[in-house]
Amino acid sequence: MGIVEEAHNVRVLGAGEQTIVLAHGFGTDQSVWKHLIPHLVDTHRLILFDNMGAGTTNPEYFDFDRYASLEGYAYDVLAILEELQVQSCIFVGHSVSAIIGAIASITRPDLFTKLVMISASPRYLNDADYYGGFEQEEIDQLFEAMRSNYKAWCGGFAPLAVGGDMDSLAVQEFSRTLFNMRPDIALSVAQTIFQGDYRHLLYNVTVPCHIIQSQKDMAVPVVVAEYLHQNLGGESIVEVMSTEGHLPQLSSPDVVVPVLLRHILNDIVV
C-alpha cells in the first residue's frame, strides 16, 4: 500500500470493470456508505477513503495551510487515483466532497465519467443575488459554539444535520464520527467549508453531474441544487428526494440507495 493510500485509509472492494469512488462529507468517514456498498460491490470496483482530518485519519498529517481551501482535498483525490492507477471513475461525493470532486474534475476531466453530487453546495453564505442558507452571524455563532464546548456542539449539531431525534441510529452514528474529529481540526475544516465560495468554478466543470438533494436540509436549501444545475459547465440533472436531512444516505437508505443506484448506473439522457 502506498503512502497516500495508507494516510487516507483507502479500501478497494469488488473487482468490476467500472470504478466507483465514494467520498464522504464533513464530520463523517467512509462508514457513511455502509448501506450503499452491498448493492455495488459484486459488480463494480469500489474505492473508499477518508478525507484528511476525519477522526479515522492521523491528525499529525493534517496540514492547516494545505486544507485551508478545498483544492488541497482535490489534490488528495487525484493522488489517490494516480496511486491506484485509475483511468476513469464515477465519483460519488457527499456534501463538501461533491465540490472537491468537481474541483478535481476541472484539473483532470479525463479521469471522471460523471459526478454524483449528494447535498452539495458551492457556497453556504447568502449573497446579494444568491441564497445559500446562512447569514455570517449564524456561521460565526456556529464557530464560537465549536470553540467553547466541542462535545456539546456535536450533540446539538448532529440531530439538526441528520434531521431526527437523538435516539435515531443515524444521529448516533453522525455524533460518533463528528466527535472523533480533533476539535481544532474540525473547526478549521468547518471554516474552510462554510466560508468558502466556489461558484466561480462551476462553469469549468464539464463532466456530467447528477445532483441529488433532500427536500429538507438544514445545510443546503433546495434552491442551491437548482443553482448548481443552472451554472455547471456540462450536462447536469437534478433529483429532489422526499427525504429530510443532510446525510440522507445514512438516515433514509431505503429511499436514497435506489436513487443513487439509478444515477450511478444510468447516464443523463439528452
Protein backbone atom coordinates (compact mmCIF):
# COMPACT_ATOMS: atom_id res chain seq x y z
CA MET A 1 0.00 0.00 0.00
CA GLY A 2 1.31 3.44 -0.95
CA ILE A 3 1.81 6.42 1.35
CA VAL A 4 -1.30 8.23 0.11
CA GLU A 5 -3.45 5.11 0.42
CA GLU A 6 -2.28 4.47 3.96
CA ALA A 7 -2.81 8.07 5.09
CA HIS A 8 -6.37 8.08 3.77
CA ASN A 9 -7.29 4.53 4.91
CA VAL A 10 -8.02 3.61 1.29
CA ARG A 11 -10.01 0.43 0.74
CA VAL A 12 -10.60 -1.18 -2.64
CA LEU A 13 -13.56 -3.54 -2.77
CA GLY A 14 -15.00 -5.64 -5.59
CA ALA A 15 -13.45 -6.19 -8.99
CA GLY A 16 -15.78 -4.94 -11.69
CA GLU A 17 -14.62 -3.19 -14.86
CA GLN A 18 -16.10 0.15 -13.79
CA THR A 19 -14.56 2.02 -10.85
CA ILE A 20 -16.73 3.99 -8.41
CA VAL A 21 -15.15 6.34 -5.88
CA LEU A 22 -17.19 7.04 -2.74
CA ALA A 23 -16.20 10.27 -0.97
CA HIS A 24 -17.69 11.31 2.38
CA GLY A 25 -18.56 14.75 3.73
CA PHE A 26 -17.72 16.81 6.83
CA GLY A 27 -17.88 15.05 10.18
CA THR A 28 -18.14 11.55 8.75
CA ASP A 29 -15.81 8.93 7.30
CA GLN A 30 -16.11 6.13 4.74
CA SER A 31 -18.50 4.23 7.03
CA VAL A 32 -21.26 6.61 5.87
CA TRP A 33 -21.52 4.47 2.70
CA LYS A 34 -22.30 1.21 4.53
CA HIS A 35 -25.86 0.97 3.12
CA LEU A 36 -24.76 1.55 -0.49
CA ILE A 37 -21.70 -0.72 -0.70
CA PRO A 38 -23.53 -4.10 -0.69
CA HIS A 39 -25.50 -3.04 -3.80
CA LEU A 40 -22.37 -2.32 -5.86
CA VAL A 41 -19.55 -4.50 -4.58
CA ASP A 42 -20.47 -7.55 -6.70
CA THR A 43 -20.49 -5.64 -9.99
CA HIS A 44 -18.04 -2.76 -9.58
CA ARG A 45 -14.62 -1.87 -8.25
CA LEU A 46 -15.21 0.46 -5.28
CA ILE A 47 -12.66 2.87 -3.84
CA LEU A 48 -13.34 4.22 -0.37
CA PHE A 49 -11.16 6.64 1.56
CA ASP A 50 -11.22 9.11 4.45
CA ASN A 51 -10.67 12.81 3.91
CA MET A 52 -7.71 14.16 5.84
CA GLY A 53 -8.98 15.50 9.17
CA ALA A 54 -11.60 12.78 9.61
CA GLY A 55 -11.44 11.15 13.02
CA THR A 56 -10.10 7.95 11.45
CA THR A 57 -7.03 9.71 9.99
CA ASN A 58 -3.79 10.61 11.78
CA PRO A 59 -4.18 14.22 12.98
CA GLU A 60 -0.43 14.71 12.57
CA TYR A 61 -0.94 14.52 8.79
CA PHE A 62 -3.43 17.40 8.78
CA ASP A 63 -1.76 20.44 7.20
CA PHE A 64 -3.81 23.51 8.22
CA ASP A 65 -2.45 25.57 5.32
CA ARG A 66 -2.99 22.88 2.67
CA TYR A 67 -6.58 22.30 3.78
CA ALA A 68 -7.50 25.96 4.14
CA SER A 69 -9.12 25.57 0.71
CA LEU A 70 -10.84 22.64 -0.97
CA GLU A 71 -8.10 22.47 -3.60
CA GLY A 72 -5.93 20.65 -1.04
CA TYR A 73 -8.54 17.90 -0.77
CA ALA A 74 -8.96 17.79 -4.56
CA TYR A 75 -5.23 17.15 -4.97
CA ASP A 76 -5.58 14.29 -2.46
CA VAL A 77 -8.32 12.72 -4.61
CA LEU A 78 -6.12 12.95 -7.71
CA ALA A 79 -3.17 11.48 -5.79
CA ILE A 80 -5.30 8.51 -4.68
CA LEU A 81 -6.50 7.90 -8.24
CA GLU A 82 -2.93 8.13 -9.52
CA GLU A 83 -1.56 5.76 -6.89
CA LEU A 84 -4.29 3.22 -7.71
CA GLN A 85 -3.71 3.76 -11.46
CA VAL A 86 -7.36 4.63 -12.09
CA GLN A 87 -8.01 5.57 -15.73
CA SER A 88 -11.61 6.69 -15.25
CA CYS A 89 -14.21 6.59 -12.50
CA ILE A 90 -17.70 7.54 -11.41
CA PHE A 91 -17.19 9.89 -8.46
CA VAL A 92 -19.91 9.90 -5.80
CA GLY A 93 -19.36 12.85 -3.46
CA HIS A 94 -21.38 13.75 -0.39
CA SER A 95 -21.63 17.37 0.78
CA VAL A 96 -18.21 19.06 0.62
CA SER A 97 -16.76 16.09 -1.28
CA ALA A 98 -19.14 16.78 -4.17
CA ILE A 99 -17.41 20.14 -4.65
CA ILE A 100 -13.99 18.57 -4.04
CA GLY A 101 -14.74 16.09 -6.83
CA ALA A 102 -15.86 18.93 -9.08
CA ILE A 103 -12.58 20.80 -8.49
CA ALA A 104 -10.57 17.63 -9.17
CA SER A 105 -12.52 17.11 -12.40
CA ILE A 106 -11.54 20.56 -13.65
CA THR A 107 -7.86 19.58 -13.42
CA ARG A 108 -8.33 16.06 -14.83
CA PRO A 109 -11.70 15.74 -16.62
CA ASP A 110 -10.41 12.58 -18.32
CA LEU A 111 -10.48 10.71 -15.01
CA PHE A 112 -14.18 11.29 -14.32
CA THR A 113 -17.01 9.85 -16.42
CA LYS A 114 -19.57 11.53 -14.17
CA LEU A 115 -20.03 13.17 -10.77
CA VAL A 116 -22.89 12.16 -8.49
CA MET A 117 -23.38 15.02 -6.02
CA ILE A 118 -25.36 14.49 -2.82
CA SER A 119 -26.30 17.50 -0.64
CA ALA A 120 -23.78 19.71 -2.45
CA SER A 121 -23.29 23.47 -2.13
CA PRO A 122 -20.76 25.81 -3.77
CA ARG A 123 -21.40 28.47 -1.07
CA TYR A 124 -23.24 28.33 2.26
CA LEU A 125 -23.42 32.06 2.92
CA ASN A 126 -26.19 34.21 1.48
CA ASP A 127 -25.12 36.85 -1.02
CA ALA A 128 -26.85 39.76 -2.74
CA ASP A 129 -28.28 37.57 -5.52
CA TYR A 130 -27.74 34.13 -4.01
CA TYR A 131 -29.42 32.15 -1.23
CA GLY A 132 -27.01 29.73 0.42
CA GLY A 133 -28.99 29.30 3.63
CA PHE A 134 -26.79 31.08 6.20
CA GLU A 135 -26.01 34.61 7.32
CA GLN A 136 -22.48 35.43 8.51
CA GLU A 137 -23.75 35.90 12.07
CA GLU A 138 -25.13 32.37 12.14
CA ILE A 139 -21.84 30.95 10.87
CA ASP A 140 -19.89 32.94 13.48
CA GLN A 141 -22.15 31.55 16.22
CA LEU A 142 -21.55 28.02 14.94
CA PHE A 143 -17.77 28.52 15.08
CA GLU A 144 -17.97 30.00 18.58
CA ALA A 145 -20.04 27.05 19.81
CA MET A 146 -17.44 24.66 18.39
CA ARG A 147 -14.66 26.57 20.15
CA SER A 148 -16.31 26.80 23.54
CA ASN A 149 -17.51 23.20 24.00
CA TYR A 150 -16.95 20.87 21.07
CA LYS A 151 -18.62 17.84 22.63
CA ALA A 152 -21.77 19.80 23.45
CA TRP A 153 -21.78 21.29 19.96
CA CYS A 154 -21.59 17.81 18.39
CA GLY A 155 -24.57 16.72 20.50
CA GLY A 156 -26.64 19.65 19.27
CA PHE A 157 -25.49 19.79 15.66
CA ALA A 158 -25.88 16.08 14.82
CA PRO A 159 -29.70 15.89 15.14
CA LEU A 160 -30.08 19.20 13.28
CA ALA A 161 -27.93 17.99 10.38
CA VAL A 162 -29.38 14.49 10.19
CA GLY A 163 -32.95 15.64 10.84
CA GLY A 164 -34.04 13.37 13.64
CA ASP A 165 -34.08 12.89 17.39
CA MET A 166 -31.05 11.81 19.39
CA ASP A 167 -32.43 8.28 19.63
CA SER A 168 -32.13 7.58 15.91
CA LEU A 169 -29.25 5.36 14.81
CA ALA A 170 -28.24 7.81 12.07
CA VAL A 171 -27.93 10.66 14.59
CA GLN A 172 -25.92 8.47 16.94
CA GLU A 173 -23.64 7.42 14.09
CA PHE A 174 -23.06 11.00 12.90
CA SER A 175 -22.47 12.15 16.50
CA ARG A 176 -19.82 9.44 16.85
CA THR A 177 -17.87 10.29 13.71
CA LEU A 178 -18.20 14.04 14.35
CA PHE A 179 -16.88 13.70 17.91
CA ASN A 180 -14.00 11.53 16.64
CA MET A 181 -12.51 14.59 14.92
CA ARG A 182 -9.92 16.56 16.85
CA PRO A 183 -11.74 19.79 17.83
CA ASP A 184 -9.21 22.24 16.37
CA ILE A 185 -9.17 20.30 13.09
CA ALA A 186 -12.97 20.14 12.99
CA LEU A 187 -13.15 23.91 13.46
CA SER A 188 -10.60 24.52 10.71
CA VAL A 189 -12.45 22.23 8.29
CA ALA A 190 -15.79 23.86 9.14
CA GLN A 191 -14.30 27.31 8.49
CA THR A 192 -12.94 26.19 5.12
CA ILE A 193 -16.34 24.80 4.15
CA PHE A 194 -18.70 27.46 5.47
CA GLN A 195 -16.58 30.47 4.46
CA GLY A 196 -15.75 29.06 1.04
CA ASP A 197 -17.16 30.25 -2.27
CA TYR A 198 -16.70 28.03 -5.32
CA ARG A 199 -19.45 29.44 -7.54
CA HIS A 200 -16.88 30.88 -9.95
CA LEU A 201 -15.50 27.40 -10.70
CA LEU A 202 -18.79 25.76 -11.67
CA TYR A 203 -18.64 26.83 -15.31
CA ASN A 204 -15.33 24.97 -15.65
CA VAL A 205 -16.87 21.66 -14.57
CA THR A 206 -17.60 19.93 -17.87
CA VAL A 207 -18.16 16.30 -16.85
CA PRO A 208 -21.82 15.23 -16.45
CA CYS A 209 -23.22 15.92 -12.97
CA HIS A 210 -26.11 14.18 -11.22
CA ILE A 211 -27.34 16.45 -8.41
CA ILE A 212 -29.25 14.67 -5.64
CA GLN A 213 -30.83 16.64 -2.81
CA SER A 214 -33.18 16.18 0.16
CA GLN A 215 -36.31 18.30 0.03
CA LYS A 216 -35.48 19.48 3.57
CA ASP A 217 -31.84 20.00 4.52
CA MET A 218 -30.73 22.47 7.19
CA ALA A 219 -27.37 22.96 5.49
CA VAL A 220 -28.37 23.13 1.81
CA PRO A 221 -31.65 24.67 0.60
CA VAL A 222 -33.25 23.06 -2.46
CA VAL A 223 -32.63 26.24 -4.49
CA VAL A 224 -28.89 25.54 -4.26
CA ALA A 225 -29.35 22.29 -6.20
CA GLU A 226 -31.10 24.28 -8.93
CA TYR A 227 -28.29 26.88 -8.84
CA LEU A 228 -25.73 24.11 -9.47
CA HIS A 229 -27.85 22.79 -12.33
CA GLN A 230 -28.02 26.21 -13.97
CA ASN A 231 -24.34 27.10 -13.54
CA LEU A 232 -22.34 23.91 -14.12
CA GLY A 233 -20.43 23.91 -17.42
CA GLY A 234 -21.55 20.49 -18.63
CA GLU A 235 -24.70 18.39 -18.68
CA SER A 236 -26.49 18.07 -15.36
CA ILE A 237 -29.69 16.71 -13.88
CA VAL A 238 -31.38 17.35 -10.52
CA GLU A 239 -33.42 14.96 -8.40
CA VAL A 240 -35.01 16.22 -5.20
CA MET A 241 -35.91 13.34 -2.90
CA SER A 242 -38.72 13.23 -0.35
CA THR A 243 -36.11 12.85 2.39
CA GLU A 244 -35.12 15.08 5.28
CA GLY A 245 -31.61 15.88 6.42
CA HIS A 246 -28.09 16.47 5.14
CA LEU A 247 -27.00 12.81 5.32
CA PRO A 248 -29.88 11.00 3.61
CA GLN A 249 -27.76 8.00 2.61
CA LEU A 250 -27.35 7.34 6.34
CA SER A 251 -30.78 8.38 7.64
CA SER A 252 -33.06 7.22 4.78
CA PRO A 253 -31.19 4.45 2.92
CA ASP A 254 -34.42 2.75 1.74
CA VAL A 255 -35.24 5.88 -0.28
CA VAL A 256 -31.75 7.06 -1.16
CA VAL A 257 -29.92 3.88 -2.19
CA PRO A 258 -32.27 3.14 -5.14
CA VAL A 259 -31.95 6.78 -6.28
CA LEU A 260 -28.15 6.64 -6.04
CA LEU A 261 -28.02 3.35 -7.94
CA ARG A 262 -30.19 4.77 -10.72
CA HIS A 263 -27.92 7.80 -11.13
CA ILE A 264 -24.70 5.78 -10.85
CA LEU A 265 -25.79 3.15 -13.38
CA ASN A 266 -27.63 5.38 -15.87
CA ASP A 267 -26.32 8.38 -17.79
CA ILE A 268 -28.14 11.63 -18.47
CA VAL A 269 -30.41 11.33 -21.50
CA VAL A 270 -30.21 14.49 -23.56
